[in-house]
Amino acid sequence: MNATRVFIHGLESSGRGVKGEFFRKRYPDMIIEDFTGDLADRMNALNMLLADKTDMILVGSSYGGLMAAIFACEHEERVKKLILLAPAVGLPAFGPFLDRRLSVPVEVFQGSFDNVLPLEPTREICSMVFSHLTFIALDDDHSLHRTFATLDWDVLLEAS
């Protein structure tokens, strides 16, 4: 069975941003929605959207990475893999999940010149919570402008 692939955009983006359009063109079966409001509103919308889904690969960018991480903490049995792009896991909203230890495979990509979310605190938090973690610092900024499209998405989006 194929995994259900989901992209969750960042706080000031949408499903029609650069990353959303990239995924829309290459992976037409990927679930790509717009999320608005505060975190509670966004998480409610995400939970409703994915209510009947299992075997998911979640790709979250920045605030969407926070959302994907929270969703995985709450529904680990339904998630096959997390791919987090400069995830905002350092925000206080992720605090209640810092005592979790998820075994789902997690790949984090973050720019070493990220001026929005500091690299090392993000790495530390991810290392605490995700036991099957690959953390890759890229020569890039927060949005991964230079490297996002060059990542091997066909391999990354395969179910492990």
C-alpha atoms as a PDB file:
ATOM      1  CA  MET A   1       0.000   0.000   0.000  1.00  0.00           C
ATOM      2  CA  ASN A   2       1.259   3.467  -0.858  1.00  0.00           C
ATOM      3  CA  ALA A   3       1.747   5.979   1.901  1.00  0.00           C
ATOM      4  CA  THR A   4      -0.463   9.043   2.100  1.00  0.00           C
ATOM      5  CA  ARG A   5       1.779  12.062   1.527  1.00  0.00           C
ATOM      6  CA  VAL A   6       0.892  15.379   3.154  1.00  0.00           C
ATOM      7  CA  PHE A   7       2.544  18.800   2.907  1.00  0.00           C
ATOM      8  CA  ILE A   8       1.958  21.354   5.693  1.00  0.00           C
ATOM      9  CA  HIS A   9       3.057  24.902   4.846  1.00  0.00           C
ATOM     10  CA  GLY A  10       4.576  27.497   7.151  1.00  0.00           C
ATOM     11  CA  LEU A  11       2.923  30.287   9.118  1.00  0.00           C
ATOM     12  CA  GLU A  12       3.090  33.011   6.486  1.00  0.00           C
ATOM     13  CA  SER A  13       2.774  30.756   3.460  1.00  0.00           C
ATOM     14  CA  SER A  14       0.030  28.664   1.906  1.00  0.00           C
ATOM     15  CA  GLY A  15      -0.448  25.488  -0.066  1.00  0.00           C
ATOM     16  CA  ARG A  16       0.177  27.661  -3.139  1.00  0.00           C
ATOM     17  CA  GLY A  17       3.618  28.816  -2.031  1.00  0.00           C
ATOM     18  CA  VAL A  18       6.864  27.719  -3.684  1.00  0.00           C
ATOM     19  CA  LYS A  19       7.035  24.403  -1.820  1.00  0.00           C
ATOM     20  CA  GLY A  20       3.329  23.680  -2.209  1.00  0.00           C
ATOM     21  CA  GLU A  21       3.502  24.266  -5.958  1.00  0.00           C
ATOM     22  CA  PHE A  22       6.651  22.147  -6.233  1.00  0.00           C
ATOM     23  CA  PHE A  23       4.874  19.213  -4.569  1.00  0.00           C
ATOM     24  CA  ARG A  24       1.621  19.812  -6.459  1.00  0.00           C
ATOM     25  CA  LYS A  25       3.412  19.474  -9.826  1.00  0.00           C
ATOM     26  CA  ARG A  26       5.564  16.469  -8.926  1.00  0.00           C
ATOM     27  CA  TYR A  27       3.231  14.541  -6.615  1.00  0.00           C
ATOM     28  CA  PRO A  28      -0.364  15.180  -7.706  1.00  0.00           C
ATOM     29  CA  ASP A  29      -1.703  12.742  -5.101  1.00  0.00           C
ATOM     30  CA  MET A  30      -0.116  14.675  -2.226  1.00  0.00           C
ATOM     31  CA  ILE A  31      -2.552  16.323   0.195  1.00  0.00           C
ATOM     32  CA  ILE A  32      -1.835  20.060   0.172  1.00  0.00           C
ATOM     33  CA  GLU A  33      -4.229  22.361   2.013  1.00  0.00           C
ATOM     34  CA  ASP A  34      -4.214  25.910   3.346  1.00  0.00           C
ATOM     35  CA  PHE A  35      -4.134  26.416   7.109  1.00  0.00           C
ATOM     36  CA  THR A  36      -5.107  29.685   8.792  1.00  0.00           C
ATOM     37  CA  GLY A  37      -5.721  30.995  12.279  1.00  0.00           C
ATOM     38  CA  ASP A  38      -3.866  30.204  15.460  1.00  0.00           C
ATOM     39  CA  LEU A  39      -2.195  26.888  16.200  1.00  0.00           C
ATOM     40  CA  ALA A  40      -5.349  25.391  17.728  1.00  0.00           C
ATOM     41  CA  ASP A  41      -7.368  26.276  14.597  1.00  0.00           C
ATOM     42  CA  ARG A  42      -4.669  24.893  12.320  1.00  0.00           C
ATOM     43  CA  MET A  43      -4.300  21.663  14.313  1.00  0.00           C
ATOM     44  CA  ASN A  44      -8.069  21.183  14.355  1.00  0.00           C
ATOM     45  CA  ALA A  45      -8.184  21.596  10.570  1.00  0.00           C
ATOM     46  CA  LEU A  46      -5.238  19.190  10.160  1.00  0.00           C
ATOM     47  CA  ASN A  47      -6.836  16.592  12.432  1.00  0.00           C
ATOM     48  CA  MET A  48     -10.122  16.800  10.500  1.00  0.00           C
ATOM     49  CA  LEU A  49      -8.296  16.600   7.149  1.00  0.00           C
ATOM     50  CA  LEU A  50      -6.359  13.494   8.193  1.00  0.00           C
ATOM     51  CA  ALA A  51      -9.035  11.847  10.363  1.00  0.00           C
ATOM     52  CA  ASP A  52      -9.392   8.754   8.156  1.00  0.00           C
ATOM     53  CA  LYS A  53      -5.757   8.535   6.999  1.00  0.00           C
ATOM     54  CA  THR A  54      -3.026   6.124   8.075  1.00  0.00           C
ATOM     55  CA  ASP A  55       0.457   5.275   6.777  1.00  0.00           C
ATOM     56  CA  MET A  56       1.250   8.961   6.321  1.00  0.00           C
ATOM     57  CA  ILE A  57       4.425  10.733   5.329  1.00  0.00           C
ATOM     58  CA  LEU A  58       4.156  14.271   6.665  1.00  0.00           C
ATOM     59  CA  VAL A  59       6.285  17.061   5.234  1.00  0.00           C
ATOM     60  CA  GLY A  60       6.167  20.191   7.360  1.00  0.00           C
ATOM     61  CA  SER A  61       7.879  23.503   6.680  1.00  0.00           C
ATOM     62  CA  SER A  62       8.705  25.810   9.613  1.00  0.00           C
ATOM     63  CA  TYR A  63       5.387  26.300  11.478  1.00  0.00           C
ATOM     64  CA  GLY A  64       4.070  23.403   9.395  1.00  0.00           C
ATOM     65  CA  GLY A  65       6.978  21.402  10.800  1.00  0.00           C
ATOM     66  CA  LEU A  66       5.737  22.227  14.290  1.00  0.00           C
ATOM     67  CA  MET A  67       2.253  21.073  13.250  1.00  0.00           C
ATOM     68  CA  ALA A  68       3.586  17.841  11.722  1.00  0.00           C
ATOM     69  CA  ALA A  69       5.656  17.125  14.839  1.00  0.00           C
ATOM     70  CA  ILE A  70       2.673  17.701  17.141  1.00  0.00           C
ATOM     71  CA  PHE A  71       0.454  15.526  14.942  1.00  0.00           C
ATOM     72  CA  ALA A  72       3.041  12.739  15.021  1.00  0.00           C
ATOM     73  CA  CYS A  73       3.343  13.001  18.804  1.00  0.00           C
ATOM     74  CA  GLU A  74      -0.423  12.655  19.115  1.00  0.00           C
ATOM     75  CA  HIS A  75      -0.889   9.985  16.413  1.00  0.00           C
ATOM     76  CA  GLU A  76       2.437   8.177  16.060  1.00  0.00           C
ATOM     77  CA  GLU A  77       0.774   4.919  15.030  1.00  0.00           C
ATOM     78  CA  ARG A  78      -0.652   6.612  11.920  1.00  0.00           C
ATOM     79  CA  VAL A  79       2.595   8.247  10.748  1.00  0.00           C
ATOM     80  CA  LYS A  80       5.206   6.377   8.667  1.00  0.00           C
ATOM     81  CA  LYS A  81       7.740   9.195   8.377  1.00  0.00           C
ATOM     82  CA  LEU A  82       8.270  12.875   9.134  1.00  0.00           C
ATOM     83  CA  ILE A  83      10.233  15.230   6.904  1.00  0.00           C
ATOM     84  CA  LEU A  84      10.706  18.529   8.681  1.00  0.00           C
ATOM     85  CA  LEU A  85      12.072  21.628   6.963  1.00  0.00           C
ATOM     86  CA  ALA A  86      13.411  24.090   9.554  1.00  0.00           C
ATOM     87  CA  PRO A  87      10.690  23.012  12.008  1.00  0.00           C
ATOM     88  CA  ALA A  88       9.505  25.500  14.625  1.00  0.00           C
ATOM     89  CA  VAL A  89       9.765  22.940  17.429  1.00  0.00           C
ATOM     90  CA  GLY A  90      11.511  25.508  19.634  1.00  0.00           C
ATOM     91  CA  LEU A  91       8.241  27.394  20.128  1.00  0.00           C
ATOM     92  CA  PRO A  92       6.522  27.015  23.519  1.00  0.00           C
ATOM     93  CA  ALA A  93       3.628  25.148  21.863  1.00  0.00           C
ATOM     94  CA  PHE A  94       5.898  22.105  21.474  1.00  0.00           C
ATOM     95  CA  GLY A  95       6.805  22.145  25.177  1.00  0.00           C
ATOM     96  CA  PRO A  96       4.177  19.552  26.215  1.00  0.00           C
ATOM     97  CA  PHE A  97       5.755  17.042  23.812  1.00  0.00           C
ATOM     98  CA  LEU A  98       9.388  17.334  24.943  1.00  0.00           C
ATOM     99  CA  ASP A  99       9.026  14.243  27.147  1.00  0.00           C
ATOM    100  CA  ARG A 100       7.932  12.087  24.199  1.00  0.00           C
ATOM    101  CA  ARG A 101      10.224   9.634  22.460  1.00  0.00           C
ATOM    102  CA  LEU A 102       8.945   8.860  18.974  1.00  0.00           C
ATOM    103  CA  SER A 103      10.392   5.997  16.964  1.00  0.00           C
ATOM    104  CA  VAL A 104       8.988   7.061  13.591  1.00  0.00           C
ATOM    105  CA  PRO A 105      11.779   7.950  11.109  1.00  0.00           C
ATOM    106  CA  VAL A 106      12.379  11.702  11.022  1.00  0.00           C
ATOM    107  CA  GLU A 107      14.506  13.650   8.564  1.00  0.00           C
ATOM    108  CA  VAL A 108      15.162  17.288   9.393  1.00  0.00           C
ATOM    109  CA  PHE A 109      16.672  19.741   6.932  1.00  0.00           C
ATOM    110  CA  GLN A 110      17.627  23.177   8.193  1.00  0.00           C
ATOM    111  CA  GLY A 111      19.717  25.970   6.793  1.00  0.00           C
ATOM    112  CA  SER A 112      22.919  26.734   8.658  1.00  0.00           C
ATOM    113  CA  PHE A 113      22.192  30.425   7.983  1.00  0.00           C
ATOM    114  CA  ASP A 114      18.622  30.251   9.325  1.00  0.00           C
ATOM    115  CA  ASN A 115      17.960  33.638  10.931  1.00  0.00           C
ATOM    116  CA  VAL A 116      14.401  32.714  11.981  1.00  0.00           C
ATOM    117  CA  LEU A 117      14.934  29.488  13.938  1.00  0.00           C
ATOM    118  CA  PRO A 118      18.354  28.807  15.461  1.00  0.00           C
ATOM    119  CA  LEU A 119      19.910  25.579  14.192  1.00  0.00           C
ATOM    120  CA  GLU A 120      21.392  24.123  17.385  1.00  0.00           C
ATOM    121  CA  PRO A 121      18.321  24.473  19.630  1.00  0.00           C
ATOM    122  CA  THR A 122      16.241  22.860  16.884  1.00  0.00           C
ATOM    123  CA  ARG A 123      18.745  20.008  16.606  1.00  0.00           C
ATOM    124  CA  GLU A 124      18.749  19.519  20.406  1.00  0.00           C
ATOM    125  CA  ILE A 125      14.951  19.370  20.638  1.00  0.00           C
ATOM    126  CA  CYS A 126      14.669  16.995  17.684  1.00  0.00           C
ATOM    127  CA  SER A 127      17.367  14.760  19.199  1.00  0.00           C
ATOM    128  CA  MET A 128      15.423  14.588  22.475  1.00  0.00           C
ATOM    129  CA  VAL A 129      12.056  13.732  20.926  1.00  0.00           C
ATOM    130  CA  PHE A 130      12.862  11.689  17.817  1.00  0.00           C
ATOM    131  CA  SER A 131      14.838   8.491  18.379  1.00  0.00           C
ATOM    132  CA  HIS A 132      15.183   7.684  14.655  1.00  0.00           C
ATOM    133  CA  LEU A 133      16.496  11.103  13.563  1.00  0.00           C
ATOM    134  CA  THR A 134      18.568  12.250  10.617  1.00  0.00           C
ATOM    135  CA  PHE A 135      19.391  15.964  10.993  1.00  0.00           C
ATOM    136  CA  ILE A 136      21.026  17.654   8.025  1.00  0.00           C
ATOM    137  CA  ALA A 137      22.314  21.227   8.138  1.00  0.00           C
ATOM    138  CA  LEU A 138      22.333  22.716   4.660  1.00  0.00           C
ATOM    139  CA  ASP A 139      24.268  25.705   3.348  1.00  0.00           C
ATOM    140  CA  ASP A 140      21.070  27.717   3.103  1.00  0.00           C
ATOM    141  CA  ASP A 141      18.616  30.071   4.807  1.00  0.00           C
ATOM    142  CA  HIS A 142      15.386  29.415   6.736  1.00  0.00           C
ATOM    143  CA  SER A 143      13.281  28.857   3.627  1.00  0.00           C
ATOM    144  CA  LEU A 144      15.898  26.610   2.030  1.00  0.00           C
ATOM    145  CA  HIS A 145      15.705  28.724  -1.128  1.00  0.00           C
ATOM    146  CA  ARG A 146      18.850  27.253  -2.679  1.00  0.00           C
ATOM    147  CA  THR A 147      18.537  23.605  -1.695  1.00  0.00           C
ATOM    148  CA  PHE A 148      14.849  22.678  -1.338  1.00  0.00           C
ATOM    149  CA  ALA A 149      14.289  21.676  -4.973  1.00  0.00           C
ATOM    150  CA  THR A 150      17.602  19.787  -5.115  1.00  0.00           C
ATOM    151  CA  LEU A 151      16.679  17.350  -2.330  1.00  0.00           C
ATOM    152  CA  ASP A 152      15.938  13.823  -3.565  1.00  0.00           C
ATOM    153  CA  TRP A 153      12.196  14.023  -2.956  1.00  0.00           C
ATOM    154  CA  ASP A 154      11.450  10.743  -4.760  1.00  0.00           C
ATOM    155  CA  VAL A 155      13.557   8.912  -2.176  1.00  0.00           C
ATOM    156  CA  LEU A 156      12.485  11.074   0.761  1.00  0.00           C
ATOM    157  CA  LEU A 157       8.801  10.486   0.035  1.00  0.00           C
ATOM    158  CA  GLU A 158       9.142   6.704  -0.112  1.00  0.00           C
ATOM    159  CA  ALA A 159       7.626   4.853   2.832  1.00  0.00           C
ATOM    160  CA  SER A 160      10.355   3.269   4.922  1.00  0.00           C
END
